[in-house]
Amino acid sequence: MVAALVVILVLIIIGGLVTAARSLRVVQQYEQGIVFRFGRVLPGVRGPGLTVLRPVGDRMQKVNMQIIAMAVPAQEGITRDNVSVRVDAVVYFRVVDPIKAVVNVQNYMFAVSQQAQTSLRSIIGQSEMDQLLAERDTVNRELRQIIDEPTEGPWGIRVERVEIKDVNLPEGMKRSMSRQAEAERERRARIISADGEYQASKRLAAAANVMARDPAALQLRLLQTVVEVAAERNSTLVMPVPVELLRFFERYAPAPPPPAAPPPPLEDTGDAELAAAEAAAEVGGPDTRELADAPLPEIGSTPVPELDESVVPPPPEPADSPAPADGPAPADSPAPAGPDGSADGSAADSAAAQDAPAAAQDGSAGTPEAAAGTQDGPARAPGGTPPPARH
């Protein structure tokens, strides 16, 4: 009897321990618990500490509320200026609503990872290469907004921060950028060197002006140069020439013609003037914009005069029977006799007929009647008979 009571007591103790183990749960400070009772979520969440559940029908799931740092795998894409790059990033997020994070999405870690990868590809295509390299803060803010928009509301996950870790460029692009940077540094070096030479030339011009006022200053400068040369161990021979000797030759040298106008004083051009000159030289500067905006001159419509019909000369009418002026006489026609009844008269008539067109061309018979005579036929020779008619 006593043994049976001991066995029952032991069973009761074991059952109580099992029930206590199933009913008691410990929630950490960085966690929150969600209780499922017969498959349904209870409205409230269990805070950190010891939590008592029903031994039958209750199940609790813990959700980590800490900030999670998740690395986004490197994504290859083409920027807006057609440069292929490879970019990787890191996302910092945390759960703000544990019920949504557990109920609305199956695995919120995997879902956030996929959303971050697609958003990173999208931001690569929307940005230029210079923005990815120089404007990291702007790109990070845009990427955070893109990832946080579909995750915070329905999933209960807030993206705290997104950082682009590395941007890998092709080797050819790296070499091009290095050449560009080298050319830029060389341009700045040349500008600084030219500015130094300009300032030095102004100082030398001022020093020469001071020395020209007193000839002894030039002689002292010459002696100082001799001392500097003699200080070194070399075989240089220096023969100083007195300045008075040079003045002697200058007296007998022809004087140069006086200048028409004194030259303007030299002006110092600093960085502001240089920047203004470069801005004016660029395409699209203020000068070119003024030329582009200038109105074009209007071309006036000039009236075309109309010709009156009375002014237009009538076309010439062709002659009925044109006859050549210098054509040969037909062979069957008899030669006309002269005044003395011989053939000399016909020779004189033919010679006069040949001279008439030449005289009309030379201007001796420049009248319309003479021109008409040359067109109608050979002119009548003085003292001769008219030529026979041609059939």
Protein backbone atom coordinates (compact mmCIF):
# COMPACT_ATOMS: atom_id res chain seq x y z
CA MET A 1 0.00 0.00 0.00
CA VAL A 2 2.77 2.41 0.90
CA ALA A 3 4.63 1.50 -2.26
CA ALA A 4 1.59 2.29 -4.39
CA LEU A 5 1.22 5.68 -2.75
CA VAL A 6 4.87 6.46 -3.39
CA VAL A 7 4.51 5.51 -7.06
CA ILE A 8 1.42 7.73 -7.45
CA LEU A 9 3.20 10.60 -5.71
CA VAL A 10 6.19 10.27 -8.01
CA LEU A 11 3.93 10.26 -11.09
CA ILE A 12 2.16 13.36 -9.86
CA ILE A 13 5.47 15.12 -9.33
CA ILE A 14 6.70 14.13 -12.78
CA GLY A 15 3.44 15.34 -14.38
CA GLY A 16 3.66 18.63 -12.57
CA LEU A 17 7.19 19.13 -13.75
CA VAL A 18 6.22 18.36 -17.31
CA THR A 19 3.26 20.71 -17.11
CA ALA A 20 5.42 23.46 -15.62
CA ALA A 21 8.00 22.93 -18.35
CA ARG A 22 5.34 23.32 -21.02
CA SER A 23 3.67 26.28 -19.37
CA LEU A 24 6.68 28.40 -18.44
CA ARG A 25 8.69 30.32 -21.07
CA VAL A 26 11.56 32.81 -20.70
CA VAL A 27 11.71 35.76 -23.10
CA GLN A 28 15.02 37.62 -23.46
CA GLN A 29 15.37 41.38 -23.24
CA TYR A 30 15.99 41.77 -26.97
CA GLU A 31 13.04 39.49 -27.90
CA GLN A 32 9.27 39.56 -27.96
CA GLY A 33 6.94 36.56 -27.87
CA ILE A 34 3.87 35.85 -29.93
CA VAL A 35 1.38 33.32 -28.51
CA PHE A 36 -0.62 31.05 -30.82
CA ARG A 37 -3.64 29.51 -29.13
CA PHE A 38 -5.06 26.68 -31.17
CA GLY A 39 -3.50 28.25 -34.29
CA ARG A 40 -4.74 31.79 -33.74
CA VAL A 41 -2.49 34.70 -32.73
CA LEU A 42 -3.34 36.42 -29.52
CA PRO A 43 -3.59 40.22 -29.84
CA GLY A 44 -0.86 41.05 -27.36
CA VAL A 45 2.81 40.18 -27.35
CA ARG A 46 4.76 38.86 -24.40
CA GLY A 47 7.56 41.03 -23.14
CA PRO A 48 10.93 39.96 -21.72
CA GLY A 49 10.88 37.79 -18.59
CA LEU A 50 9.02 34.67 -17.43
CA THR A 51 5.80 33.95 -19.29
CA VAL A 52 3.14 31.36 -18.32
CA LEU A 53 1.28 29.56 -21.08
CA ARG A 54 -1.46 26.99 -21.12
CA PRO A 55 0.00 23.57 -21.26
CA VAL A 56 -2.46 22.51 -23.90
CA GLY A 57 -3.21 24.59 -27.02
CA ASP A 58 -0.70 27.41 -26.53
CA ARG A 59 2.50 27.85 -28.55
CA MET A 60 4.83 30.83 -28.36
CA GLN A 61 7.24 32.05 -31.05
CA LYS A 62 10.04 34.48 -30.20
CA VAL A 63 11.05 37.31 -32.54
CA ASN A 64 14.42 39.05 -32.37
CA MET A 65 14.03 42.83 -32.16
CA GLN A 66 17.71 43.70 -32.64
CA ILE A 67 19.11 45.50 -35.67
CA ILE A 68 20.27 42.96 -38.23
CA ALA A 69 23.17 43.71 -40.59
CA MET A 70 22.77 41.77 -43.81
CA ALA A 71 25.26 41.83 -46.67
CA VAL A 72 23.80 42.21 -50.14
CA PRO A 73 25.62 40.11 -52.76
CA ALA A 74 27.47 42.01 -55.49
CA GLN A 75 25.19 42.94 -58.37
CA GLU A 76 26.32 43.67 -61.92
CA GLY A 77 24.52 46.32 -63.90
CA ILE A 78 24.86 49.08 -66.48
CA THR A 79 24.60 52.67 -65.33
CA ARG A 80 22.63 55.39 -67.06
CA ASP A 81 25.76 56.52 -68.94
CA ASN A 82 26.38 52.96 -70.25
CA VAL A 83 29.17 51.86 -67.92
CA SER A 84 29.13 48.30 -66.61
CA VAL A 85 29.80 48.19 -62.83
CA ARG A 86 29.66 45.67 -60.03
CA VAL A 87 28.25 47.02 -56.75
CA ASP A 88 27.73 45.39 -53.37
CA ALA A 89 26.06 46.86 -50.29
CA VAL A 90 24.99 46.19 -46.70
CA VAL A 91 21.48 46.68 -45.23
CA TYR A 92 20.68 47.45 -41.57
CA PHE A 93 17.06 46.66 -40.58
CA ARG A 94 15.00 45.59 -37.56
CA VAL A 95 11.53 44.25 -36.79
CA VAL A 96 9.08 46.87 -35.51
CA ASP A 97 5.91 44.73 -35.61
CA PRO A 98 6.59 41.08 -34.67
CA ILE A 99 3.06 39.90 -35.51
CA LYS A 100 3.32 41.18 -39.14
CA ALA A 101 6.87 39.86 -39.48
CA VAL A 102 5.72 36.36 -38.47
CA VAL A 103 2.25 36.20 -40.03
CA ASN A 104 2.50 38.24 -43.26
CA VAL A 105 5.80 36.88 -44.59
CA GLN A 106 7.15 33.36 -44.40
CA ASN A 107 10.85 34.23 -43.99
CA TYR A 108 11.42 37.93 -43.59
CA MET A 109 15.22 37.58 -43.71
CA PHE A 110 15.13 36.01 -47.17
CA ALA A 111 12.46 38.47 -48.33
CA VAL A 112 14.49 41.50 -47.28
CA SER A 113 17.59 40.05 -48.99
CA GLN A 114 15.79 39.61 -52.32
CA GLN A 115 14.22 43.06 -52.09
CA ALA A 116 17.63 44.62 -51.42
CA GLN A 117 19.19 42.88 -54.44
CA THR A 118 16.49 43.99 -56.86
CA SER A 119 16.52 47.53 -55.48
CA LEU A 120 20.30 47.69 -55.86
CA ARG A 121 20.04 46.69 -59.51
CA SER A 122 17.36 49.33 -60.02
CA ILE A 123 19.41 52.10 -58.43
CA ILE A 124 22.42 51.15 -60.58
CA GLY A 125 20.41 51.64 -63.76
CA GLN A 126 19.00 54.98 -62.58
CA SER A 127 22.34 56.51 -61.52
CA GLU A 128 25.44 57.57 -63.38
CA MET A 129 28.94 56.37 -62.68
CA ASP A 130 30.01 59.69 -61.17
CA GLN A 131 27.06 59.57 -58.78
CA LEU A 132 27.97 56.07 -57.59
CA LEU A 133 31.54 57.20 -56.93
CA ALA A 134 31.10 60.73 -55.58
CA GLU A 135 27.50 61.05 -54.33
CA ARG A 136 27.31 58.01 -52.08
CA ASP A 137 25.02 59.67 -49.54
CA THR A 138 22.37 60.51 -52.13
CA VAL A 139 22.46 57.02 -53.61
CA ASN A 140 22.24 55.45 -50.13
CA ARG A 141 19.16 57.51 -49.25
CA GLU A 142 17.40 56.62 -52.49
CA LEU A 143 18.26 52.94 -52.04
CA ARG A 144 16.94 52.97 -48.46
CA GLN A 145 13.64 54.51 -49.57
CA ILE A 146 13.22 51.92 -52.31
CA ILE A 147 13.85 49.00 -49.93
CA ASP A 148 11.85 50.42 -47.00
CA GLU A 149 8.70 51.25 -48.96
CA PRO A 150 7.38 47.64 -49.45
CA THR A 151 8.79 46.23 -46.19
CA GLU A 152 7.73 48.52 -43.35
CA GLY A 153 3.99 48.63 -43.97
CA PRO A 154 3.00 45.05 -44.82
CA TRP A 155 5.97 43.20 -43.29
CA GLY A 156 6.58 45.21 -40.13
CA ILE A 157 10.30 45.64 -40.92
CA ARG A 158 12.01 49.02 -40.91
CA VAL A 159 15.21 49.57 -42.90
CA GLU A 160 17.42 51.77 -40.77
CA ARG A 161 20.34 52.29 -43.11
CA VAL A 162 21.79 51.16 -46.44
CA GLU A 163 25.45 51.57 -47.37
CA ILE A 164 27.19 50.84 -50.68
CA LYS A 165 30.38 48.99 -49.84
CA ASP A 166 32.34 48.84 -53.08
CA VAL A 167 32.00 49.83 -56.74
CA ASN A 168 34.11 47.75 -59.10
CA LEU A 169 34.86 49.33 -62.48
CA PRO A 170 36.33 47.73 -65.61
CA GLU A 171 40.08 48.01 -66.09
CA GLY A 172 39.70 50.14 -69.21
CA MET A 173 37.53 52.62 -67.34
CA LYS A 174 40.06 52.80 -64.53
CA ARG A 175 42.86 53.61 -66.97
CA SER A 176 40.72 56.28 -68.66
CA MET A 177 39.95 57.91 -65.32
CA SER A 178 43.63 57.87 -64.33
CA ARG A 179 44.57 59.57 -67.61
CA GLN A 180 41.85 62.17 -67.05
CA ALA A 181 43.09 62.89 -63.53
CA GLU A 182 46.68 63.14 -64.78
CA ALA A 183 45.66 65.59 -67.51
CA GLU A 184 43.78 67.68 -64.96
CA ARG A 185 46.78 67.83 -62.64
CA GLU A 186 49.04 68.75 -65.55
CA ARG A 187 46.66 71.55 -66.53
CA ARG A 188 46.71 72.95 -62.99
CA ALA A 189 50.50 72.72 -62.88
CA ARG A 190 50.82 74.64 -66.15
CA ILE A 191 48.42 77.32 -64.94
CA ILE A 192 50.35 77.72 -61.68
CA SER A 193 53.69 77.83 -63.55
CA ALA A 194 52.38 80.43 -66.01
CA ASP A 195 51.01 82.52 -63.14
CA GLY A 196 54.39 82.37 -61.39
CA GLU A 197 56.22 83.43 -64.56
CA TYR A 198 53.80 86.30 -65.00
CA GLN A 199 54.34 87.54 -61.46
CA ALA A 200 58.11 87.11 -61.81
CA SER A 201 58.10 89.10 -65.07
CA LYS A 202 56.27 91.94 -63.33
CA ARG A 203 58.80 91.95 -60.52
CA LEU A 204 61.69 91.89 -63.00
CA ALA A 205 60.15 94.76 -64.94
CA ALA A 206 59.82 96.77 -61.74
CA ALA A 207 63.43 95.97 -60.79
CA ALA A 208 64.67 97.01 -64.22
CA ASN A 209 62.76 100.27 -63.91
CA VAL A 210 64.44 100.96 -60.56
CA MET A 211 67.92 100.13 -61.93
CA ALA A 212 67.37 102.32 -65.00
CA ARG A 213 66.95 105.38 -62.77
CA ASP A 214 70.40 104.98 -61.16
CA PRO A 215 73.30 103.53 -63.25
CA ALA A 216 75.25 102.66 -60.09
CA ALA A 217 72.57 100.10 -59.16
CA LEU A 218 73.26 98.15 -62.35
CA GLN A 219 77.00 98.26 -61.65
CA LEU A 220 76.44 96.92 -58.11
CA ARG A 221 74.26 94.16 -59.49
CA LEU A 222 77.02 93.24 -61.91
CA LEU A 223 79.59 93.08 -59.13
CA GLN A 224 77.23 90.92 -57.05
CA THR A 225 76.91 88.51 -59.96
CA VAL A 226 80.71 88.33 -60.21
CA VAL A 227 80.92 87.51 -56.50
CA GLU A 228 78.35 84.74 -56.84
CA VAL A 229 80.20 83.21 -59.79
CA ALA A 230 83.60 83.45 -58.07
CA ALA A 231 82.28 81.73 -54.92
CA GLU A 232 82.13 78.39 -56.73
CA ARG A 233 85.15 76.37 -57.80
CA ASN A 234 84.97 76.60 -61.56
CA SER A 235 86.99 77.78 -64.50
CA THR A 236 84.60 80.49 -65.59
CA LEU A 237 86.26 83.77 -66.56
CA VAL A 238 84.15 86.86 -65.99
CA MET A 239 85.19 90.21 -67.47
CA PRO A 240 82.98 93.00 -66.18
CA VAL A 241 82.35 95.89 -68.53
CA PRO A 242 81.84 99.32 -66.97
CA VAL A 243 78.42 100.76 -67.37
CA GLU A 244 79.91 104.11 -68.43
CA LEU A 245 81.34 102.43 -71.51
CA LEU A 246 77.92 101.24 -72.48
CA ARG A 247 76.55 104.74 -71.93
CA PHE A 248 79.24 106.05 -74.27
CA PHE A 249 78.09 103.81 -77.08
CA GLU A 250 74.48 104.67 -76.37
CA ARG A 251 75.18 108.37 -76.97
CA TYR A 252 76.31 107.75 -80.54
CA ALA A 253 73.66 105.20 -81.31
CA PRO A 254 70.64 106.47 -83.28
CA ALA A 255 67.74 107.22 -80.99
CA PRO A 256 64.63 105.10 -81.52
CA PRO A 257 61.48 106.89 -82.66
CA PRO A 258 59.23 107.96 -79.80
CA PRO A 259 56.21 105.73 -79.27
CA ALA A 260 52.87 106.98 -80.42
CA ALA A 261 51.22 106.33 -77.07
CA PRO A 262 52.56 104.99 -73.79
CA PRO A 263 51.76 101.31 -73.24
CA PRO A 264 49.00 100.59 -70.72
CA PRO A 265 50.12 99.40 -67.28
CA LEU A 266 50.22 95.69 -66.68
CA GLU A 267 47.23 94.30 -64.87
CA ASP A 268 47.37 91.37 -62.52
CA THR A 269 45.06 88.51 -63.47
CA GLY A 270 44.15 86.35 -60.53
CA ASP A 271 42.10 83.23 -60.13
CA ALA A 272 38.78 85.07 -60.48
CA GLU A 273 39.70 86.51 -63.88
CA LEU A 274 41.01 83.15 -65.06
CA ALA A 275 37.80 81.39 -64.02
CA ALA A 276 35.71 84.04 -65.79
CA ALA A 277 37.78 83.64 -68.97
CA GLU A 278 37.37 79.86 -68.90
CA ALA A 279 33.62 80.18 -68.34
CA ALA A 280 33.33 82.60 -71.25
CA ALA A 281 35.34 80.26 -73.51
CA GLU A 282 33.10 77.27 -72.82
CA VAL A 283 30.35 76.34 -75.25
CA GLY A 284 27.03 77.54 -73.91
CA GLY A 285 28.56 80.46 -71.95
CA PRO A 286 26.89 83.85 -71.58
CA ASP A 287 28.42 85.14 -74.82
CA THR A 288 27.26 82.19 -76.88
CA ARG A 289 23.82 82.31 -75.27
CA GLU A 290 23.50 85.97 -76.25
CA LEU A 291 24.46 85.10 -79.84
CA ALA A 292 21.96 82.23 -79.88
CA ASP A 293 19.16 84.44 -78.51
CA ALA A 294 19.84 87.34 -80.92
CA PRO A 295 16.91 87.87 -83.35
CA LEU A 296 17.52 87.19 -87.01
CA PRO A 297 17.17 90.15 -89.43
CA GLU A 298 13.98 90.16 -91.48
CA ILE A 299 14.28 90.16 -95.26
CA GLY A 300 11.95 92.73 -96.78
CA SER A 301 9.85 91.85 -99.78
CA THR A 302 11.12 93.88 -102.80
CA PRO A 303 8.38 94.44 -105.44
CA VAL A 304 9.24 93.17 -108.91
CA PRO A 305 8.42 95.74 -111.68
CA GLU A 306 6.03 94.54 -114.36
CA LEU A 307 6.93 95.15 -118.04
CA ASP A 308 4.40 96.85 -120.28
CA GLU A 309 3.56 95.23 -123.59
CA SER A 310 4.41 98.45 -125.40
CA VAL A 311 7.96 98.32 -124.09
CA VAL A 312 8.65 94.78 -125.39
CA PRO A 313 10.00 95.05 -129.00
CA PRO A 314 8.23 92.93 -131.66
CA PRO A 315 10.14 89.96 -133.07
CA PRO A 316 11.84 90.58 -136.46
CA GLU A 317 9.98 89.29 -139.54
CA PRO A 318 11.99 87.08 -141.89
CA ALA A 319 12.62 88.39 -145.43
CA ASP A 320 10.69 86.84 -148.30
CA SER A 321 13.65 86.16 -150.55
CA PRO A 322 16.95 86.57 -148.76
CA ALA A 323 19.84 86.85 -151.14
CA PRO A 324 23.49 86.65 -150.14
CA ALA A 325 25.34 89.92 -150.59
CA ASP A 326 28.60 88.46 -151.73
CA GLY A 327 27.38 85.34 -153.53
CA PRO A 328 28.78 84.53 -156.97
CA ALA A 329 26.79 85.42 -160.04
CA PRO A 330 25.13 82.57 -161.91
CA ALA A 331 27.13 81.20 -164.70
CA ASP A 332 24.33 81.31 -167.37
CA SER A 333 23.58 85.04 -166.88
CA PRO A 334 25.41 87.34 -169.28
CA ALA A 335 27.82 89.84 -167.85
CA PRO A 336 26.47 93.41 -168.18
CA ALA A 337 28.52 95.79 -170.23
CA GLY A 338 29.98 98.98 -168.91
CA PRO A 339 29.45 102.45 -170.17
CA ASP A 340 31.94 101.83 -172.96
CA GLY A 341 30.37 98.50 -173.86
CA SER A 342 33.23 96.34 -172.46
CA ALA A 343 33.42 93.84 -169.62
CA ASP A 344 35.27 96.27 -167.35
CA GLY A 345 32.02 97.70 -166.18
CA SER A 346 30.89 94.34 -164.77
CA ALA A 347 34.15 93.97 -162.86
CA ALA A 348 33.70 97.39 -161.34
CA ASP A 349 30.13 96.53 -160.34
CA SER A 350 31.16 93.31 -158.65
CA ALA A 351 33.95 95.06 -156.73
CA ALA A 352 31.56 97.73 -155.55
CA ALA A 353 29.09 95.04 -154.45
CA GLN A 354 31.80 93.33 -152.36
CA ASP A 355 32.88 96.63 -150.71
CA ALA A 356 29.35 97.60 -149.65
CA PRO A 357 28.93 94.99 -146.82
CA ALA A 358 32.38 95.79 -145.42
CA ALA A 359 31.56 99.46 -145.31
CA ALA A 360 28.31 98.71 -143.52
CA GLN A 361 30.22 96.70 -140.88
CA ASP A 362 32.90 99.36 -140.35
CA GLY A 363 30.27 101.96 -139.50
CA SER A 364 30.66 104.12 -142.59
CA ALA A 365 27.04 103.39 -143.45
CA GLY A 366 25.66 103.04 -139.90
CA THR A 367 22.12 104.07 -140.80
CA PRO A 368 19.13 101.80 -140.96
CA GLU A 369 18.90 102.45 -144.71
CA ALA A 370 22.44 101.16 -145.23
CA ALA A 371 21.71 98.07 -143.13
CA ALA A 372 18.56 97.48 -145.11
CA GLY A 373 20.54 97.84 -148.29
CA THR A 374 22.97 95.17 -147.24
CA GLN A 375 20.11 92.84 -146.37
CA ASP A 376 18.12 93.38 -149.59
CA GLY A 377 21.05 92.90 -151.86
CA PRO A 378 24.36 94.34 -153.00
CA ALA A 379 24.53 98.13 -153.12
CA ARG A 380 24.43 99.95 -156.41
CA ALA A 381 27.93 101.02 -157.40
CA PRO A 382 28.34 104.67 -158.26
CA GLY A 383 28.37 105.20 -161.94
CA GLY A 384 27.50 101.56 -162.67
CA THR A 385 24.50 99.55 -163.59
CA PRO A 386 22.42 97.63 -161.08
CA PRO A 387 23.20 93.92 -160.76
CA PRO A 388 20.97 91.55 -162.57
CA ALA A 389 18.10 89.99 -160.75
CA ARG A 390 18.54 86.45 -159.52
CA HIS A 391 15.94 83.82 -160.07
